[in-house]
Amino acid sequence: MASLSDRLPQNQPGVYYVDSTCIDCDQCRVSAPDIFARDEDAGVSYVQRQPVSAEEIAQIEEVLAECATDSIGNDGV
């Protein structure tokens, strides 16, 4: 499970985030490219934009559930 205390600073403010356990596997960026981006220097993914619609929230929740390293968190839960 992602840890809020390990939240990456690259994440946009909001309830969804990626933490430092990210291994840069690209899964989240492929599944939700409008939400996730890659920090080339750090070699990690991060939330570049918080979801706003019900469809985007459902999409990010699905990505969160499928994350192999449990590096995506939802602080609103």
PDB file of N, CA and C in Angstrom:
ATOM      1  N   MET A   1       0.840  -1.180   0.000  1.00  0.00           N
ATOM      2  CA  MET A   1       0.000   0.000   0.000  1.00  0.00           C
ATOM      3  C   MET A   1       0.889   1.250   0.000  1.00  0.00           C
ATOM      4  N   ALA A   2       0.542   2.206  -0.821  1.00  0.00           N
ATOM      5  CA  ALA A   2       1.291   3.456  -0.913  1.00  0.00           C
ATOM      6  C   ALA A   2       1.257   4.191   0.428  1.00  0.00           C
ATOM      7  N   SER A   3       2.339   4.886   0.695  1.00  0.00           N
ATOM      8  CA  SER A   3       2.474   5.605   1.956  1.00  0.00           C
ATOM      9  C   SER A   3       2.472   7.112   1.714  1.00  0.00           C
ATOM     10  N   LEU A   4       1.561   7.788   2.384  1.00  0.00           N
ATOM     11  CA  LEU A   4       1.474   9.236   2.250  1.00  0.00           C
ATOM     12  C   LEU A   4       2.787   9.908   2.663  1.00  0.00           C
ATOM     13  N   SER A   5       3.469   9.347   3.647  1.00  0.00           N
ATOM     14  CA  SER A   5       4.729   9.940   4.095  1.00  0.00           C
ATOM     15  C   SER A   5       5.837   9.788   3.045  1.00  0.00           C
ATOM     16  N   ASP A   6       5.656   8.877   2.083  1.00  0.00           N
ATOM     17  CA  ASP A   6       6.622   8.675   1.004  1.00  0.00           C
ATOM     18  C   ASP A   6       6.139   9.264  -0.324  1.00  0.00           C
ATOM     19  N   ARG A   7       5.106  10.089  -0.260  1.00  0.00           N
ATOM     20  CA  ARG A   7       4.550  10.725  -1.459  1.00  0.00           C
ATOM     21  C   ARG A   7       5.636  11.502  -2.191  1.00  0.00           C
ATOM     22  N   LEU A   8       5.725  11.308  -3.506  1.00  0.00           N
ATOM     23  CA  LEU A   8       6.714  12.024  -4.306  1.00  0.00           C
ATOM     24  C   LEU A   8       6.319  13.491  -4.461  1.00  0.00           C
ATOM     25  N   PRO A   9       7.284  14.391  -4.410  1.00  0.00           N
ATOM     26  CA  PRO A   9       6.974  15.816  -4.525  1.00  0.00           C
ATOM     27  C   PRO A   9       6.493  16.225  -5.918  1.00  0.00           C
ATOM     28  N   GLN A  10       6.711  15.399  -6.917  1.00  0.00           N
ATOM     29  CA  GLN A  10       6.297  15.716  -8.285  1.00  0.00           C
ATOM     30  C   GLN A  10       4.777  15.653  -8.462  1.00  0.00           C
ATOM     31  N   ASN A  11       4.083  14.939  -7.580  1.00  0.00           N
ATOM     32  CA  ASN A  11       2.629  14.798  -7.689  1.00  0.00           C
ATOM     33  C   ASN A  11       1.921  16.143  -7.572  1.00  0.00           C
ATOM     34  N   GLN A  12       0.868  16.303  -8.356  1.00  0.00           N
ATOM     35  CA  GLN A  12       0.019  17.477  -8.219  1.00  0.00           C
ATOM     36  C   GLN A  12      -0.759  17.364  -6.907  1.00  0.00           C
ATOM     37  N   PRO A  13      -1.044  18.473  -6.253  1.00  0.00           N
ATOM     38  CA  PRO A  13      -1.825  18.420  -5.014  1.00  0.00           C
ATOM     39  C   PRO A  13      -3.178  17.742  -5.253  1.00  0.00           C
ATOM     40  N   GLY A  14      -3.596  16.972  -4.276  1.00  0.00           N
ATOM     41  CA  GLY A  14      -4.875  16.269  -4.360  1.00  0.00           C
ATOM     42  C   GLY A  14      -4.783  14.919  -3.676  1.00  0.00           C
ATOM     43  N   VAL A  15      -5.847  14.163  -3.749  1.00  0.00           N
ATOM     44  CA  VAL A  15      -5.920  12.903  -2.999  1.00  0.00           C
ATOM     45  C   VAL A  15      -5.107  11.770  -3.621  1.00  0.00           C
ATOM     46  N   TYR A  16      -4.884  11.779  -4.922  1.00  0.00           N
ATOM     47  CA  TYR A  16      -4.133  10.696  -5.570  1.00  0.00           C
ATOM     48  C   TYR A  16      -2.667  11.064  -5.689  1.00  0.00           C
ATOM     49  N   TYR A  17      -1.810  10.065  -5.516  1.00  0.00           N
ATOM     50  CA  TYR A  17      -0.368  10.299  -5.569  1.00  0.00           C
ATOM     51  C   TYR A  17       0.373   9.000  -5.862  1.00  0.00           C
ATOM     52  N   VAL A  18       1.624   9.133  -6.232  1.00  0.00           N
ATOM     53  CA  VAL A  18       2.554   8.013  -6.362  1.00  0.00           C
ATOM     54  C   VAL A  18       3.608   8.211  -5.292  1.00  0.00           C
ATOM     55  N   ASP A  19       4.017   7.102  -4.645  1.00  0.00           N
ATOM     56  CA  ASP A  19       5.044   7.234  -3.617  1.00  0.00           C
ATOM     57  C   ASP A  19       6.395   6.722  -4.115  1.00  0.00           C
ATOM     58  N   SER A  20       7.390   6.762  -3.252  1.00  0.00           N
ATOM     59  CA  SER A  20       8.771   6.458  -3.638  1.00  0.00           C
ATOM     60  C   SER A  20       9.039   4.990  -3.944  1.00  0.00           C
ATOM     61  N   THR A  21       8.057   4.121  -3.785  1.00  0.00           N
ATOM     62  CA  THR A  21       8.251   2.710  -4.115  1.00  0.00           C
ATOM     63  C   THR A  21       8.043   2.435  -5.602  1.00  0.00           C
ATOM     64  N   CYS A  22       7.711   3.452  -6.379  1.00  0.00           N
ATOM     65  CA  CYS A  22       7.504   3.307  -7.825  1.00  0.00           C
ATOM     66  C   CYS A  22       8.774   2.770  -8.480  1.00  0.00           C
ATOM     67  N   ILE A  23       8.622   1.769  -9.370  1.00  0.00           N
ATOM     68  CA  ILE A  23       9.765   1.188 -10.081  1.00  0.00           C
ATOM     69  C   ILE A  23       9.770   1.598 -11.557  1.00  0.00           C
ATOM     70  N   ASP A  24       8.947   2.569 -11.923  1.00  0.00           N
ATOM     71  CA  ASP A  24       8.927   3.101 -13.286  1.00  0.00           C
ATOM     72  C   ASP A  24       8.604   2.028 -14.325  1.00  0.00           C
ATOM     73  N   CYS A  25       7.604   1.207 -14.025  1.00  0.00           N
ATOM     74  CA  CYS A  25       7.249   0.108 -14.929  1.00  0.00           C
ATOM     75  C   CYS A  25       6.412   0.562 -16.120  1.00  0.00           C
ATOM     76  N   ASP A  26       5.855   1.762 -16.075  1.00  0.00           N
ATOM     77  CA  ASP A  26       5.083   2.356 -17.162  1.00  0.00           C
ATOM     78  C   ASP A  26       3.612   1.935 -17.195  1.00  0.00           C
ATOM     79  N   GLN A  27       3.201   1.032 -16.331  1.00  0.00           N
ATOM     80  CA  GLN A  27       1.829   0.526 -16.350  1.00  0.00           C
ATOM     81  C   GLN A  27       0.796   1.642 -16.169  1.00  0.00           C
ATOM     82  N   CYS A  28       0.993   2.508 -15.203  1.00  0.00           N
ATOM     83  CA  CYS A  28       0.009   3.565 -14.948  1.00  0.00           C
ATOM     84  C   CYS A  28      -0.039   4.563 -16.100  1.00  0.00           C
ATOM     85  N   ARG A  29       1.114   4.873 -16.674  1.00  0.00           N
ATOM     86  CA  ARG A  29       1.165   5.839 -17.779  1.00  0.00           C
ATOM     87  C   ARG A  29       0.506   5.296 -19.029  1.00  0.00           C
ATOM     88  N   VAL A  30       0.592   4.005 -19.244  1.00  0.00           N
ATOM     89  CA  VAL A  30      -0.074   3.383 -20.392  1.00  0.00           C
ATOM     90  C   VAL A  30      -1.583   3.359 -20.167  1.00  0.00           C
ATOM     91  N   SER A  31      -1.988   3.034 -18.952  1.00  0.00           N
ATOM     92  CA  SER A  31      -3.422   2.911 -18.635  1.00  0.00           C
ATOM     93  C   SER A  31      -4.133   4.247 -18.497  1.00  0.00           C
ATOM     94  N   ALA A  32      -3.436   5.261 -18.035  1.00  0.00           N
ATOM     95  CA  ALA A  32      -4.057   6.574 -17.810  1.00  0.00           C
ATOM     96  C   ALA A  32      -3.051   7.682 -18.149  1.00  0.00           C
ATOM     97  N   PRO A  33      -2.717   7.834 -19.433  1.00  0.00           N
ATOM     98  CA  PRO A  33      -1.682   8.804 -19.825  1.00  0.00           C
ATOM     99  C   PRO A  33      -2.043  10.262 -19.566  1.00  0.00           C
ATOM    100  N   ASP A  34      -3.307  10.564 -19.415  1.00  0.00           N
ATOM    101  CA  ASP A  34      -3.708  11.941 -19.118  1.00  0.00           C
ATOM    102  C   ASP A  34      -3.537  12.275 -17.633  1.00  0.00           C
ATOM    103  N   ILE A  35      -3.410  11.249 -16.818  1.00  0.00           N
ATOM    104  CA  ILE A  35      -3.304  11.429 -15.370  1.00  0.00           C
ATOM    105  C   ILE A  35      -1.858  11.294 -14.887  1.00  0.00           C
ATOM    106  N   PHE A  36      -1.144  10.318 -15.440  1.00  0.00           N
ATOM    107  CA  PHE A  36       0.213  10.023 -14.979  1.00  0.00           C
ATOM    108  C   PHE A  36       1.260  10.483 -15.981  1.00  0.00           C
ATOM    109  N   ALA A  37       2.419  10.874 -15.467  1.00  0.00           N
ATOM    110  CA  ALA A  37       3.559  11.270 -16.302  1.00  0.00           C
ATOM    111  C   ALA A  37       4.816  10.661 -15.698  1.00  0.00           C
ATOM    112  N   ARG A  38       5.911  10.788 -16.432  1.00  0.00           N
ATOM    113  CA  ARG A  38       7.193  10.246 -15.975  1.00  0.00           C
ATOM    114  C   ARG A  38       8.165  11.377 -15.687  1.00  0.00           C
ATOM    115  N   ASP A  39       8.834  11.288 -14.544  1.00  0.00           N
ATOM    116  CA  ASP A  39       9.928  12.191 -14.229  1.00  0.00           C
ATOM    117  C   ASP A  39      11.188  11.518 -14.773  1.00  0.00           C
ATOM    118  N   GLU A  40      11.700  12.037 -15.863  1.00  0.00           N
ATOM    119  CA  GLU A  40      12.860  11.448 -16.533  1.00  0.00           C
ATOM    120  C   GLU A  40      14.084  11.401 -15.621  1.00  0.00           C
ATOM    121  N   ASP A  41      14.308  12.432 -14.850  1.00  0.00           N
ATOM    122  CA  ASP A  41      15.493  12.503 -13.989  1.00  0.00           C
ATOM    123  C   ASP A  41      15.428  11.506 -12.831  1.00  0.00           C
ATOM    124  N   ALA A  42      14.262  11.392 -12.217  1.00  0.00           N
ATOM    125  CA  ALA A  42      14.115  10.511 -11.057  1.00  0.00           C
ATOM    126  C   ALA A  42      13.766   9.081 -11.446  1.00  0.00           C
ATOM    127  N   GLY A  43      13.257   8.879 -12.662  1.00  0.00           N
ATOM    128  CA  GLY A  43      12.868   7.540 -13.096  1.00  0.00           C
ATOM    129  C   GLY A  43      11.669   6.996 -12.352  1.00  0.00           C
ATOM    130  N   VAL A  44      10.658   7.844 -12.176  1.00  0.00           N
ATOM    131  CA  VAL A  44       9.425   7.449 -11.491  1.00  0.00           C
ATOM    132  C   VAL A  44       8.229   8.072 -12.205  1.00  0.00           C
ATOM    133  N   SER A  45       7.075   7.492 -11.955  1.00  0.00           N
ATOM    134  CA  SER A  45       5.829   8.079 -12.423  1.00  0.00           C
ATOM    135  C   SER A  45       5.270   8.966 -11.324  1.00  0.00           C
ATOM    136  N   TYR A  46       4.390   9.882 -11.719  1.00  0.00           N
ATOM    137  CA  TYR A  46       3.736  10.744 -10.737  1.00  0.00           C
ATOM    138  C   TYR A  46       2.385  11.180 -11.299  1.00  0.00           C
ATOM    139  N   VAL A  47       1.520  11.684 -10.447  1.00  0.00           N
ATOM    140  CA  VAL A  47       0.212  12.184 -10.861  1.00  0.00           C
ATOM    141  C   VAL A  47       0.416  13.609 -11.380  1.00  0.00           C
ATOM    142  N   GLN A  48       0.279  13.754 -12.703  1.00  0.00           N
ATOM    143  CA  GLN A  48       0.474  15.075 -13.308  1.00  0.00           C
ATOM    144  C   GLN A  48      -0.791  15.921 -13.260  1.00  0.00           C
ATOM    145  N   ARG A  49      -1.935  15.245 -13.097  1.00  0.00           N
ATOM    146  CA  ARG A  49      -3.219  15.943 -13.040  1.00  0.00           C
ATOM    147  C   ARG A  49      -4.185  15.078 -12.245  1.00  0.00           C
ATOM    148  N   GLN A  50      -4.838  15.678 -11.276  1.00  0.00           N
ATOM    149  CA  GLN A  50      -5.829  14.944 -10.488  1.00  0.00           C
ATOM    150  C   GLN A  50      -7.076  14.691 -11.338  1.00  0.00           C
ATOM    151  N   PRO A  51      -7.719  13.530 -11.156  1.00  0.00           N
ATOM    152  CA  PRO A  51      -8.938  13.254 -11.912  1.00  0.00           C
ATOM    153  C   PRO A  51     -10.061  14.185 -11.481  1.00  0.00           C
ATOM    154  N   VAL A  52     -10.931  14.531 -12.439  1.00  0.00           N
ATOM    155  CA  VAL A  52     -12.038  15.431 -12.112  1.00  0.00           C
ATOM    156  C   VAL A  52     -13.404  14.814 -12.386  1.00  0.00           C
ATOM    157  N   SER A  53     -13.494  13.975 -13.377  1.00  0.00           N
ATOM    158  CA  SER A  53     -14.789  13.376 -13.713  1.00  0.00           C
ATOM    159  C   SER A  53     -14.927  12.003 -13.058  1.00  0.00           C
ATOM    160  N   ALA A  54     -16.148  11.531 -12.993  1.00  0.00           N
ATOM    161  CA  ALA A  54     -16.409  10.195 -12.448  1.00  0.00           C
ATOM    162  C   ALA A  54     -15.675   9.135 -13.264  1.00  0.00           C
ATOM    163  N   GLU A  55     -15.600   9.328 -14.564  1.00  0.00           N
ATOM    164  CA  GLU A  55     -14.896   8.383 -15.438  1.00  0.00           C
ATOM    165  C   GLU A  55     -13.397   8.357 -15.126  1.00  0.00           C
ATOM    166  N   GLU A  56     -12.803   9.532 -14.927  1.00  0.00           N
ATOM    167  CA  GLU A  56     -11.379   9.595 -14.596  1.00  0.00           C
ATOM    168  C   GLU A  56     -11.095   8.997 -13.220  1.00  0.00           C
ATOM    169  N   ILE A  57     -11.984   9.228 -12.279  1.00  0.00           N
ATOM    170  CA  ILE A  57     -11.813   8.659 -10.940  1.00  0.00           C
ATOM    171  C   ILE A  57     -11.887   7.139 -11.013  1.00  0.00           C
ATOM    172  N   ALA A  58     -12.834   6.614 -11.766  1.00  0.00           N
ATOM    173  CA  ALA A  58     -12.931   5.161 -11.941  1.00  0.00           C
ATOM    174  C   ALA A  58     -11.672   4.621 -12.606  1.00  0.00           C
ATOM    175  N   GLN A  59     -11.155   5.346 -13.578  1.00  0.00           N
ATOM    176  CA  GLN A  59      -9.948   4.933 -14.286  1.00  0.00           C
ATOM    177  C   GLN A  59      -8.748   4.885 -13.337  1.00  0.00           C
ATOM    178  N   ILE A  60      -8.551   5.924 -12.551  1.00  0.00           N
ATOM    179  CA  ILE A  60      -7.398   5.947 -11.649  1.00  0.00           C
ATOM    180  C   ILE A  60      -7.546   4.916 -10.534  1.00  0.00           C
ATOM    181  N   GLU A  61      -8.752   4.659 -10.090  1.00  0.00           N
ATOM    182  CA  GLU A  61      -8.970   3.628  -9.074  1.00  0.00           C
ATOM    183  C   GLU A  61      -8.612   2.240  -9.629  1.00  0.00           C
ATOM    184  N   GLU A  62      -8.923   2.007 -10.893  1.00  0.00           N
ATOM    185  CA  GLU A  62      -8.562   0.745 -11.536  1.00  0.00           C
ATOM    186  C   GLU A  62      -7.042   0.613 -11.643  1.00  0.00           C
ATOM    187  N   VAL A  63      -6.383   1.686 -12.053  1.00  0.00           N
ATOM    188  CA  VAL A  63      -4.924   1.686 -12.142  1.00  0.00           C
ATOM    189  C   VAL A  63      -4.318   1.464 -10.759  1.00  0.00           C
ATOM    190  N   LEU A  64      -4.853   2.120  -9.753  1.00  0.00           N
ATOM    191  CA  LEU A  64      -4.390   1.964  -8.380  1.00  0.00           C
ATOM    192  C   LEU A  64      -4.468   0.497  -7.954  1.00  0.00           C
ATOM    193  N   ALA A  65      -5.580  -0.156  -8.245  1.00  0.00           N
ATOM    194  CA  ALA A  65      -5.776  -1.556  -7.860  1.00  0.00           C
ATOM    195  C   ALA A  65      -4.834  -2.498  -8.597  1.00  0.00           C
ATOM    196  N   GLU A  66      -4.423  -2.123  -9.804  1.00  0.00           N
ATOM    197  CA  GLU A  66      -3.573  -2.988 -10.614  1.00  0.00           C
ATOM    198  C   GLU A  66      -2.081  -2.704 -10.452  1.00  0.00           C
ATOM    199  N   CYS A  67      -1.702  -1.679  -9.736  1.00  0.00           N
ATOM    200  CA  CYS A  67      -0.290  -1.320  -9.580  1.00  0.00           C
ATOM    201  C   CYS A  67       0.479  -2.472  -8.927  1.00  0.00           C
ATOM    202  N   ALA A  68       1.492  -2.969  -9.631  1.00  0.00           N
ATOM    203  CA  ALA A  68       2.254  -4.136  -9.178  1.00  0.00           C
ATOM    204  C   ALA A  68       2.996  -3.902  -7.866  1.00  0.00           C
ATOM    205  N   THR A  69       3.365  -2.663  -7.602  1.00  0.00           N
ATOM    206  CA  THR A  69       4.120  -2.358  -6.387  1.00  0.00           C
ATOM    207  C   THR A  69       3.299  -1.594  -5.345  1.00  0.00           C
ATOM    208  N   ASP A  70       2.019  -1.424  -5.607  1.00  0.00           N
ATOM    209  CA  ASP A  70       1.138  -0.672  -4.685  1.00  0.00           C
ATOM    210  C   ASP A  70       1.689   0.709  -4.393  1.00  0.00           C
ATOM    211  N   SER A  71       2.213   1.349  -5.429  1.00  0.00           N
ATOM    212  CA  SER A  71       2.852   2.662  -5.269  1.00  0.00           C
ATOM    213  C   SER A  71       1.900   3.837  -5.460  1.00  0.00           C
ATOM    214  N   ILE A  72       0.662   3.570  -5.838  1.00  0.00           N
ATOM    215  CA  ILE A  72      -0.322   4.636  -6.068  1.00  0.00           C
ATOM    216  C   ILE A  72      -1.260   4.681  -4.872  1.00  0.00           C
ATOM    217  N   GLY A  73      -1.433   5.880  -4.335  1.00  0.00           N
ATOM    218  CA  GLY A  73      -2.280   6.023  -3.151  1.00  0.00           C
ATOM    219  C   GLY A  73      -3.445   6.962  -3.367  1.00  0.00           C
ATOM    220  N   ASN A  74      -4.413   6.828  -2.479  1.00  0.00           N
ATOM    221  CA  ASN A  74      -5.595   7.683  -2.450  1.00  0.00           C
ATOM    222  C   ASN A  74      -5.729   8.169  -1.021  1.00  0.00           C
ATOM    223  N   ASP A  75      -5.350   9.406  -0.778  1.00  0.00           N
ATOM    224  CA  ASP A  75      -5.392   9.985   0.558  1.00  0.00           C
ATOM    225  C   ASP A  75      -6.800  10.293   1.014  1.00  0.00           C
ATOM    226  N   GLY A  76      -7.769  10.214   0.101  1.00  0.00           N
ATOM    227  CA  GLY A  76      -9.141  10.534   0.436  1.00  0.00           C
ATOM    228  C   GLY A  76      -9.916   9.356   1.013  1.00  0.00           C
ATOM    229  N   VAL A  77      -9.275   8.207   1.115  1.00  0.00           N
ATOM    230  CA  VAL A  77      -9.964   7.000   1.612  1.00  0.00           C
ATOM    231  C   VAL A  77      -9.785   6.870   3.091  1.00  0.00           C
TER     232      VAL A  77
END
